[in-house]
Amino acid sequence: MKTLNEWFDEYGVSHKNVTNKKIHYICVPLIFFSVVGLFMSIPNGLLQPLAFLPSIFVNWAFVVLLFVLLFYFRLSIAMGLKMLLFTAICLVGNYYIGQAVPLLYFSIALFAAGWIGQFYGHQIEGKKPSFIKDLQFLLIGPAWVIDSVLKIN
């Protein structure tokens, strides 16, 4: 298994252009946030045995994020903690947005906007997105951005 630094080094190869990096700092968290919203939009009938938990945890996003966080904690405890903070913000943010507007449509719009930005950034960079080589980069991208924003080691 690659180390976190090996993942970041490989990811960084196609993210050197300053404009592309700035676009990624905005669009990658938007995409992650929107995916959490999409998972929260899935009917949660099968999760009723978890109904004893606060309602913010009784959704498919919470279940999926538990596994996603395992991926980050396996790479590094510090990275896992940073992503735990970010995923908590995503859960809470989506929960409250879902109280005000239809979360599914909001998440689809955010997802589309984020990916348009991403592909524009890669057009500027002149390199293909990393996830085309390895789908695990879909999880590395958010960690790369959050690590850059929360430089605490």
N, C-alpha and C. Protein backbone atom coordinates (compact mmCIF):
# COMPACT_ATOMS: atom_id res chain seq x y z
N MET A 1 0.84 -1.19 0.00
CA MET A 1 0.00 0.00 0.00
C MET A 1 0.88 1.25 0.00
N LYS A 2 0.48 2.23 -0.81
CA LYS A 2 1.24 3.48 -0.88
C LYS A 2 1.07 4.27 0.40
N THR A 3 2.11 5.04 0.71
CA THR A 3 2.02 5.96 1.85
C THR A 3 1.26 7.21 1.42
N LEU A 4 0.85 7.99 2.39
CA LEU A 4 0.15 9.24 2.10
C LEU A 4 1.02 10.16 1.26
N ASN A 5 2.29 10.27 1.60
CA ASN A 5 3.20 11.13 0.83
C ASN A 5 3.37 10.64 -0.61
N GLU A 6 3.40 9.33 -0.81
CA GLU A 6 3.49 8.79 -2.17
C GLU A 6 2.23 9.15 -2.97
N TRP A 7 1.07 9.02 -2.34
CA TRP A 7 -0.18 9.41 -3.00
C TRP A 7 -0.15 10.89 -3.37
N PHE A 8 0.23 11.73 -2.40
CA PHE A 8 0.25 13.18 -2.63
C PHE A 8 1.26 13.56 -3.71
N ASP A 9 2.43 12.92 -3.70
CA ASP A 9 3.43 13.20 -4.73
C ASP A 9 2.90 12.87 -6.12
N GLU A 10 2.25 11.72 -6.23
CA GLU A 10 1.71 11.31 -7.53
C GLU A 10 0.55 12.21 -7.95
N TYR A 11 -0.28 12.59 -7.00
CA TYR A 11 -1.40 13.48 -7.29
C TYR A 11 -0.88 14.86 -7.72
N GLY A 12 0.16 15.32 -7.06
CA GLY A 12 0.72 16.64 -7.33
C GLY A 12 1.29 16.81 -8.72
N VAL A 13 1.65 15.70 -9.38
CA VAL A 13 2.23 15.77 -10.72
C VAL A 13 1.27 16.45 -11.70
N SER A 14 -0.02 16.21 -11.56
CA SER A 14 -0.99 16.82 -12.48
C SER A 14 -1.72 18.01 -11.84
N HIS A 15 -1.10 18.57 -10.81
CA HIS A 15 -1.70 19.72 -10.12
C HIS A 15 -0.61 20.74 -9.75
N LYS A 16 0.12 21.20 -10.75
CA LYS A 16 1.20 22.16 -10.51
C LYS A 16 0.81 23.58 -10.88
N ASN A 17 -0.08 23.74 -11.84
CA ASN A 17 -0.51 25.06 -12.28
C ASN A 17 -1.26 25.76 -11.15
N VAL A 18 -0.88 27.00 -10.87
CA VAL A 18 -1.46 27.75 -9.75
C VAL A 18 -2.97 27.91 -9.91
N THR A 19 -3.45 28.20 -11.11
CA THR A 19 -4.88 28.37 -11.34
C THR A 19 -5.62 27.06 -11.12
N ASN A 20 -5.05 25.97 -11.63
CA ASN A 20 -5.67 24.66 -11.44
C ASN A 20 -5.74 24.31 -9.95
N LYS A 21 -4.68 24.62 -9.21
CA LYS A 21 -4.69 24.34 -7.77
C LYS A 21 -5.79 25.13 -7.06
N LYS A 22 -5.92 26.42 -7.42
CA LYS A 22 -6.96 27.24 -6.80
C LYS A 22 -8.34 26.69 -7.12
N ILE A 23 -8.53 26.26 -8.36
CA ILE A 23 -9.81 25.66 -8.75
C ILE A 23 -10.06 24.40 -7.93
N HIS A 24 -9.03 23.60 -7.74
CA HIS A 24 -9.17 22.37 -6.96
C HIS A 24 -9.51 22.67 -5.50
N TYR A 25 -8.91 23.72 -4.95
CA TYR A 25 -9.19 24.07 -3.55
C TYR A 25 -10.65 24.44 -3.33
N ILE A 26 -11.32 24.86 -4.40
CA ILE A 26 -12.75 25.17 -4.31
C ILE A 26 -13.59 23.97 -4.73
N CYS A 27 -13.27 23.40 -5.88
CA CYS A 27 -14.15 22.38 -6.48
C CYS A 27 -14.07 21.02 -5.81
N VAL A 28 -12.92 20.60 -5.35
CA VAL A 28 -12.82 19.28 -4.71
C VAL A 28 -13.68 19.21 -3.44
N PRO A 29 -13.59 20.20 -2.55
CA PRO A 29 -14.49 20.15 -1.39
C PRO A 29 -15.97 20.25 -1.78
N LEU A 30 -16.28 21.03 -2.83
CA LEU A 30 -17.67 21.11 -3.28
C LEU A 30 -18.18 19.75 -3.75
N ILE A 31 -17.34 19.04 -4.50
CA ILE A 31 -17.73 17.72 -5.00
C ILE A 31 -17.91 16.75 -3.82
N PHE A 32 -16.97 16.74 -2.90
CA PHE A 32 -17.08 15.86 -1.74
C PHE A 32 -18.36 16.18 -0.96
N PHE A 33 -18.60 17.47 -0.72
CA PHE A 33 -19.80 17.92 -0.02
C PHE A 33 -21.05 17.46 -0.75
N SER A 34 -21.04 17.59 -2.06
CA SER A 34 -22.22 17.21 -2.85
C SER A 34 -22.44 15.70 -2.83
N VAL A 35 -21.38 14.92 -2.83
CA VAL A 35 -21.52 13.46 -2.77
C VAL A 35 -22.12 13.06 -1.43
N VAL A 36 -21.70 13.72 -0.37
CA VAL A 36 -22.32 13.45 0.94
C VAL A 36 -23.82 13.75 0.85
N GLY A 37 -24.17 14.86 0.23
CA GLY A 37 -25.59 15.20 0.06
C GLY A 37 -26.34 14.19 -0.78
N LEU A 38 -25.69 13.68 -1.82
CA LEU A 38 -26.33 12.67 -2.66
C LEU A 38 -26.61 11.40 -1.87
N PHE A 39 -25.62 10.97 -1.08
CA PHE A 39 -25.84 9.79 -0.24
C PHE A 39 -26.91 10.03 0.83
N MET A 40 -26.96 11.25 1.35
CA MET A 40 -27.99 11.57 2.35
C MET A 40 -29.38 11.57 1.73
N SER A 41 -29.45 11.74 0.41
CA SER A 41 -30.73 11.79 -0.30
C SER A 41 -31.32 10.41 -0.58
N ILE A 42 -30.52 9.37 -0.40
CA ILE A 42 -31.02 8.00 -0.64
C ILE A 42 -31.99 7.64 0.49
N PRO A 43 -33.16 7.13 0.15
CA PRO A 43 -34.10 6.73 1.21
C PRO A 43 -33.43 5.78 2.20
N ASN A 44 -33.69 6.02 3.48
CA ASN A 44 -32.98 5.30 4.53
C ASN A 44 -33.81 4.24 5.24
N GLY A 45 -34.80 3.69 4.56
CA GLY A 45 -35.66 2.68 5.17
C GLY A 45 -34.91 1.51 5.77
N LEU A 46 -33.86 1.05 5.11
CA LEU A 46 -33.08 -0.09 5.63
C LEU A 46 -32.28 0.26 6.88
N LEU A 47 -32.15 1.54 7.15
CA LEU A 47 -31.35 1.96 8.30
C LEU A 47 -32.19 2.19 9.55
N GLN A 48 -33.43 1.81 9.52
CA GLN A 48 -34.31 2.03 10.68
C GLN A 48 -33.81 1.39 11.97
N PRO A 49 -33.06 0.27 11.92
CA PRO A 49 -32.50 -0.23 13.18
C PRO A 49 -31.57 0.77 13.87
N LEU A 50 -31.10 1.78 13.11
CA LEU A 50 -30.24 2.81 13.71
C LEU A 50 -31.03 4.01 14.21
N ALA A 51 -32.36 3.89 14.22
CA ALA A 51 -33.22 5.02 14.57
C ALA A 51 -33.00 5.52 16.00
N PHE A 52 -32.32 4.77 16.83
CA PHE A 52 -32.02 5.22 18.19
C PHE A 52 -30.96 6.33 18.19
N LEU A 53 -30.23 6.47 17.06
CA LEU A 53 -29.22 7.52 16.92
C LEU A 53 -29.88 8.84 16.54
N PRO A 54 -29.19 9.96 16.78
CA PRO A 54 -29.72 11.24 16.28
C PRO A 54 -29.93 11.16 14.76
N SER A 55 -30.94 11.83 14.26
CA SER A 55 -31.32 11.69 12.84
C SER A 55 -30.21 12.06 11.87
N ILE A 56 -29.27 12.89 12.27
CA ILE A 56 -28.18 13.27 11.38
C ILE A 56 -27.31 12.05 11.01
N PHE A 57 -27.36 11.00 11.83
CA PHE A 57 -26.56 9.80 11.58
C PHE A 57 -27.33 8.68 10.89
N VAL A 58 -28.61 8.83 10.73
CA VAL A 58 -29.42 7.75 10.15
C VAL A 58 -29.62 8.03 8.66
N ASN A 59 -28.53 7.86 7.92
CA ASN A 59 -28.57 8.06 6.47
C ASN A 59 -27.39 7.32 5.85
N TRP A 60 -27.44 7.14 4.55
CA TRP A 60 -26.41 6.37 3.85
C TRP A 60 -25.08 7.10 3.81
N ALA A 61 -25.09 8.42 3.86
CA ALA A 61 -23.83 9.16 3.86
C ALA A 61 -23.01 8.79 5.10
N PHE A 62 -23.66 8.72 6.25
CA PHE A 62 -22.95 8.37 7.48
C PHE A 62 -22.32 6.98 7.36
N VAL A 63 -23.08 6.04 6.84
CA VAL A 63 -22.58 4.66 6.68
C VAL A 63 -21.37 4.63 5.73
N VAL A 64 -21.50 5.27 4.58
CA VAL A 64 -20.41 5.28 3.59
C VAL A 64 -19.18 6.00 4.15
N LEU A 65 -19.43 7.12 4.85
CA LEU A 65 -18.30 7.89 5.38
C LEU A 65 -17.51 7.12 6.44
N LEU A 66 -18.15 6.21 7.14
CA LEU A 66 -17.40 5.37 8.09
C LEU A 66 -16.31 4.59 7.36
N PHE A 67 -16.65 4.04 6.20
CA PHE A 67 -15.67 3.28 5.42
C PHE A 67 -14.64 4.20 4.78
N VAL A 68 -15.08 5.35 4.31
CA VAL A 68 -14.16 6.32 3.71
C VAL A 68 -13.14 6.77 4.76
N LEU A 69 -13.60 7.01 5.97
CA LEU A 69 -12.69 7.44 7.03
C LEU A 69 -11.69 6.34 7.39
N LEU A 70 -12.09 5.10 7.29
CA LEU A 70 -11.13 4.01 7.52
C LEU A 70 -9.98 4.10 6.53
N PHE A 71 -10.30 4.42 5.27
CA PHE A 71 -9.26 4.60 4.25
C PHE A 71 -8.27 5.68 4.68
N TYR A 72 -8.78 6.82 5.14
CA TYR A 72 -7.91 7.93 5.54
C TYR A 72 -7.10 7.61 6.79
N PHE A 73 -7.73 6.96 7.77
CA PHE A 73 -7.01 6.62 9.00
C PHE A 73 -5.92 5.57 8.73
N ARG A 74 -6.14 4.70 7.74
CA ARG A 74 -5.09 3.74 7.37
C ARG A 74 -3.88 4.44 6.79
N LEU A 75 -4.10 5.55 6.11
CA LEU A 75 -2.99 6.30 5.53
C LEU A 75 -2.21 7.06 6.60
N SER A 76 -2.95 7.64 7.56
CA SER A 76 -2.31 8.44 8.61
C SER A 76 -3.36 8.83 9.63
N ILE A 77 -2.99 8.76 10.89
CA ILE A 77 -3.91 9.18 11.96
C ILE A 77 -4.22 10.67 11.81
N ALA A 78 -3.20 11.47 11.55
CA ALA A 78 -3.41 12.92 11.39
C ALA A 78 -4.34 13.21 10.22
N MET A 79 -4.15 12.51 9.10
CA MET A 79 -5.01 12.72 7.94
C MET A 79 -6.43 12.26 8.25
N GLY A 80 -6.55 11.15 8.96
CA GLY A 80 -7.86 10.66 9.35
C GLY A 80 -8.61 11.67 10.21
N LEU A 81 -7.89 12.30 11.14
CA LEU A 81 -8.52 13.31 12.00
C LEU A 81 -8.94 14.54 11.20
N LYS A 82 -8.09 14.97 10.27
CA LYS A 82 -8.44 16.12 9.43
C LYS A 82 -9.68 15.81 8.60
N MET A 83 -9.73 14.62 8.03
CA MET A 83 -10.88 14.25 7.20
C MET A 83 -12.12 13.99 8.05
N LEU A 84 -11.93 13.55 9.28
CA LEU A 84 -13.06 13.39 10.19
C LEU A 84 -13.71 14.75 10.43
N LEU A 85 -12.91 15.77 10.65
CA LEU A 85 -13.41 17.13 10.84
C LEU A 85 -14.17 17.59 9.59
N PHE A 86 -13.56 17.39 8.43
CA PHE A 86 -14.20 17.83 7.18
C PHE A 86 -15.49 17.05 6.91
N THR A 87 -15.49 15.75 7.13
CA THR A 87 -16.71 14.97 6.87
C THR A 87 -17.81 15.36 7.85
N ALA A 88 -17.44 15.68 9.08
CA ALA A 88 -18.45 16.14 10.05
C ALA A 88 -19.09 17.44 9.57
N ILE A 89 -18.27 18.35 9.06
CA ILE A 89 -18.79 19.61 8.51
C ILE A 89 -19.72 19.31 7.34
N CYS A 90 -19.33 18.37 6.50
CA CYS A 90 -20.17 18.00 5.35
C CYS A 90 -21.50 17.41 5.79
N LEU A 91 -21.47 16.53 6.78
CA LEU A 91 -22.72 15.93 7.29
C LEU A 91 -23.64 16.98 7.88
N VAL A 92 -23.10 17.83 8.73
CA VAL A 92 -23.91 18.85 9.39
C VAL A 92 -24.43 19.85 8.35
N GLY A 93 -23.54 20.29 7.46
CA GLY A 93 -23.96 21.25 6.44
C GLY A 93 -25.07 20.71 5.57
N ASN A 94 -24.92 19.48 5.10
CA ASN A 94 -25.96 18.88 4.26
C ASN A 94 -27.24 18.65 5.04
N TYR A 95 -27.13 18.28 6.29
CA TYR A 95 -28.31 18.07 7.12
C TYR A 95 -29.15 19.34 7.18
N TYR A 96 -28.50 20.46 7.44
CA TYR A 96 -29.24 21.72 7.56
C TYR A 96 -29.68 22.26 6.21
N ILE A 97 -28.91 22.07 5.17
CA ILE A 97 -29.34 22.48 3.84
C ILE A 97 -30.58 21.68 3.44
N GLY A 98 -30.58 20.39 3.77
CA GLY A 98 -31.72 19.54 3.47
C GLY A 98 -32.99 19.95 4.19
N GLN A 99 -32.86 20.70 5.27
CA GLN A 99 -34.03 21.21 5.98
C GLN A 99 -34.64 22.40 5.24
N ALA A 100 -33.83 23.07 4.41
CA ALA A 100 -34.28 24.30 3.76
C ALA A 100 -34.66 24.11 2.28
N VAL A 101 -33.93 23.23 1.59
CA VAL A 101 -34.17 23.03 0.15
C VAL A 101 -34.11 21.54 -0.15
N PRO A 102 -34.64 21.11 -1.30
CA PRO A 102 -34.51 19.69 -1.67
C PRO A 102 -33.01 19.33 -1.85
N LEU A 103 -32.51 18.51 -0.96
CA LEU A 103 -31.08 18.20 -0.93
C LEU A 103 -30.61 17.51 -2.20
N LEU A 104 -31.42 16.64 -2.77
CA LEU A 104 -31.01 15.92 -3.97
C LEU A 104 -30.69 16.89 -5.10
N TYR A 105 -31.56 17.83 -5.38
CA TYR A 105 -31.35 18.77 -6.48
C TYR A 105 -30.20 19.72 -6.20
N PHE A 106 -30.11 20.16 -4.95
CA PHE A 106 -29.00 21.01 -4.55
C PHE A 106 -27.67 20.29 -4.76
N SER A 107 -27.61 19.04 -4.35
CA SER A 107 -26.37 18.25 -4.47
C SER A 107 -26.00 17.98 -5.92
N ILE A 108 -26.99 17.70 -6.75
CA ILE A 108 -26.72 17.47 -8.18
C ILE A 108 -26.14 18.72 -8.81
N ALA A 109 -26.72 19.88 -8.51
CA ALA A 109 -26.22 21.14 -9.07
C ALA A 109 -24.80 21.42 -8.60
N LEU A 110 -24.53 21.21 -7.32
CA LEU A 110 -23.19 21.43 -6.76
C LEU A 110 -22.19 20.46 -7.38
N PHE A 111 -22.60 19.21 -7.53
CA PHE A 111 -21.74 18.19 -8.12
C PHE A 111 -21.35 18.57 -9.55
N ALA A 112 -22.34 18.98 -10.35
CA ALA A 112 -22.08 19.36 -11.74
C ALA A 112 -21.16 20.58 -11.81
N ALA A 113 -21.43 21.58 -10.99
CA ALA A 113 -20.59 22.78 -10.99
C ALA A 113 -19.15 22.44 -10.60
N GLY A 114 -19.00 21.59 -9.59
CA GLY A 114 -17.65 21.19 -9.15
C GLY A 114 -16.88 20.48 -10.24
N TRP A 115 -17.53 19.57 -10.94
CA TRP A 115 -16.84 18.82 -12.00
C TRP A 115 -16.54 19.69 -13.22
N ILE A 116 -17.41 20.62 -13.51
CA ILE A 116 -17.11 21.55 -14.62
C ILE A 116 -15.85 22.33 -14.27
N GLY A 117 -15.77 22.81 -13.05
CA GLY A 117 -14.56 23.51 -12.61
C GLY A 117 -13.33 22.64 -12.67
N GLN A 118 -13.46 21.41 -12.21
CA GLN A 118 -12.32 20.48 -12.22
C GLN A 118 -11.78 20.26 -13.64
N PHE A 119 -12.68 19.98 -14.57
CA PHE A 119 -12.23 19.71 -15.93
C PHE A 119 -11.67 20.97 -16.59
N TYR A 120 -12.20 22.13 -16.24
CA TYR A 120 -11.63 23.38 -16.73
C TYR A 120 -10.20 23.54 -16.19
N GLY A 121 -10.03 23.27 -14.90
CA GLY A 121 -8.69 23.35 -14.30
C GLY A 121 -7.70 22.42 -14.97
N HIS A 122 -8.14 21.22 -15.29
CA HIS A 122 -7.24 20.27 -15.95
C HIS A 122 -6.97 20.66 -17.39
N GLN A 123 -7.91 21.36 -18.00
CA GLN A 123 -7.66 21.88 -19.35
C GLN A 123 -6.55 22.93 -19.28
N ILE A 124 -6.61 23.79 -18.28
CA ILE A 124 -5.56 24.79 -18.08
C ILE A 124 -4.22 24.10 -17.80
N GLU A 125 -4.25 23.09 -16.94
CA GLU A 125 -3.04 22.34 -16.56
C GLU A 125 -2.46 21.59 -17.74
N GLY A 126 -3.33 21.12 -18.63
CA GLY A 126 -2.87 20.34 -19.78
C GLY A 126 -2.60 18.89 -19.43
N LYS A 127 -3.16 18.43 -18.31
CA LYS A 127 -2.99 17.03 -17.89
C LYS A 127 -4.33 16.45 -17.51
N LYS A 128 -4.46 15.14 -17.70
CA LYS A 128 -5.70 14.45 -17.34
C LYS A 128 -5.83 14.36 -15.82
N PRO A 129 -7.08 14.30 -15.33
CA PRO A 129 -7.29 14.11 -13.90
C PRO A 129 -6.67 12.78 -13.43
N SER A 130 -6.14 12.78 -12.23
CA SER A 130 -5.45 11.60 -11.69
C SER A 130 -6.35 10.38 -11.58
N PHE A 131 -7.65 10.59 -11.32
CA PHE A 131 -8.53 9.45 -11.10
C PHE A 131 -8.70 8.59 -12.35
N ILE A 132 -8.33 9.13 -13.50
CA ILE A 132 -8.40 8.33 -14.72
C ILE A 132 -7.40 7.18 -14.64
N LYS A 133 -6.28 7.42 -13.97
CA LYS A 133 -5.26 6.38 -13.78
C LYS A 133 -5.64 5.41 -12.67
N ASP A 134 -6.21 5.93 -11.58
CA ASP A 134 -6.55 5.11 -10.42
C ASP A 134 -7.71 5.77 -9.68
N LEU A 135 -8.82 5.05 -9.55
CA LEU A 135 -10.01 5.62 -8.92
C LEU A 135 -9.79 6.02 -7.46
N GLN A 136 -8.76 5.50 -6.82
CA GLN A 136 -8.49 5.88 -5.43
C GLN A 136 -8.15 7.36 -5.31
N PHE A 137 -7.74 7.96 -6.44
CA PHE A 137 -7.46 9.39 -6.42
C PHE A 137 -8.71 10.22 -6.15
N LEU A 138 -9.90 9.62 -6.34
CA LEU A 138 -11.13 10.32 -5.98
C LEU A 138 -11.20 10.56 -4.47
N LEU A 139 -10.50 9.72 -3.70
CA LEU A 139 -10.40 9.93 -2.25
C LEU A 139 -9.14 10.71 -1.87
N ILE A 140 -8.12 10.62 -2.69
CA ILE A 140 -6.87 11.33 -2.40
C ILE A 140 -7.04 12.83 -2.63
N GLY A 141 -7.80 13.21 -3.66
CA GLY A 141 -8.00 14.64 -3.95
C GLY A 141 -8.51 15.42 -2.75
N PRO A 142 -9.59 14.97 -2.11
CA PRO A 142 -10.06 15.71 -0.93
C PRO A 142 -9.01 15.76 0.19
N ALA A 143 -8.29 14.67 0.39
CA ALA A 143 -7.26 14.65 1.43
C ALA A 143 -6.15 15.64 1.10
N TRP A 144 -5.78 15.72 -0.18
CA TRP A 144 -4.72 16.64 -0.64
C TRP A 144 -5.12 18.08 -0.36
N VAL A 145 -6.38 18.41 -0.66
CA VAL A 145 -6.86 19.78 -0.42
C VAL A 145 -6.94 20.06 1.08
N ILE A 146 -7.57 19.18 1.82
CA ILE A 146 -7.74 19.39 3.26
C ILE A 146 -6.39 19.44 3.96
N ASP A 147 -5.45 18.61 3.53
CA ASP A 147 -4.11 18.63 4.11
C ASP A 147 -3.43 19.98 3.85
N SER A 148 -3.64 20.53 2.66
CA SER A 148 -3.06 21.82 2.33
C SER A 148 -3.68 22.93 3.17
N VAL A 149 -4.98 22.85 3.39
CA VAL A 149 -5.69 23.88 4.15
C VAL A 149 -5.38 23.76 5.65
N LEU A 150 -5.30 22.54 6.13
CA LEU A 150 -5.06 22.30 7.57
C LEU A 150 -3.66 21.75 7.77
N LYS A 151 -2.65 22.53 7.46
CA LYS A 151 -1.27 22.08 7.60
C LYS A 151 -0.88 21.99 9.07
N ILE A 152 -1.31 20.90 9.72
CA ILE A 152 -0.99 20.63 11.12
C ILE A 152 -0.33 19.25 11.14
N ASN A 153 0.90 19.17 11.47
CA ASN A 153 1.57 17.86 11.51
C ASN A 153 2.12 17.56 12.83
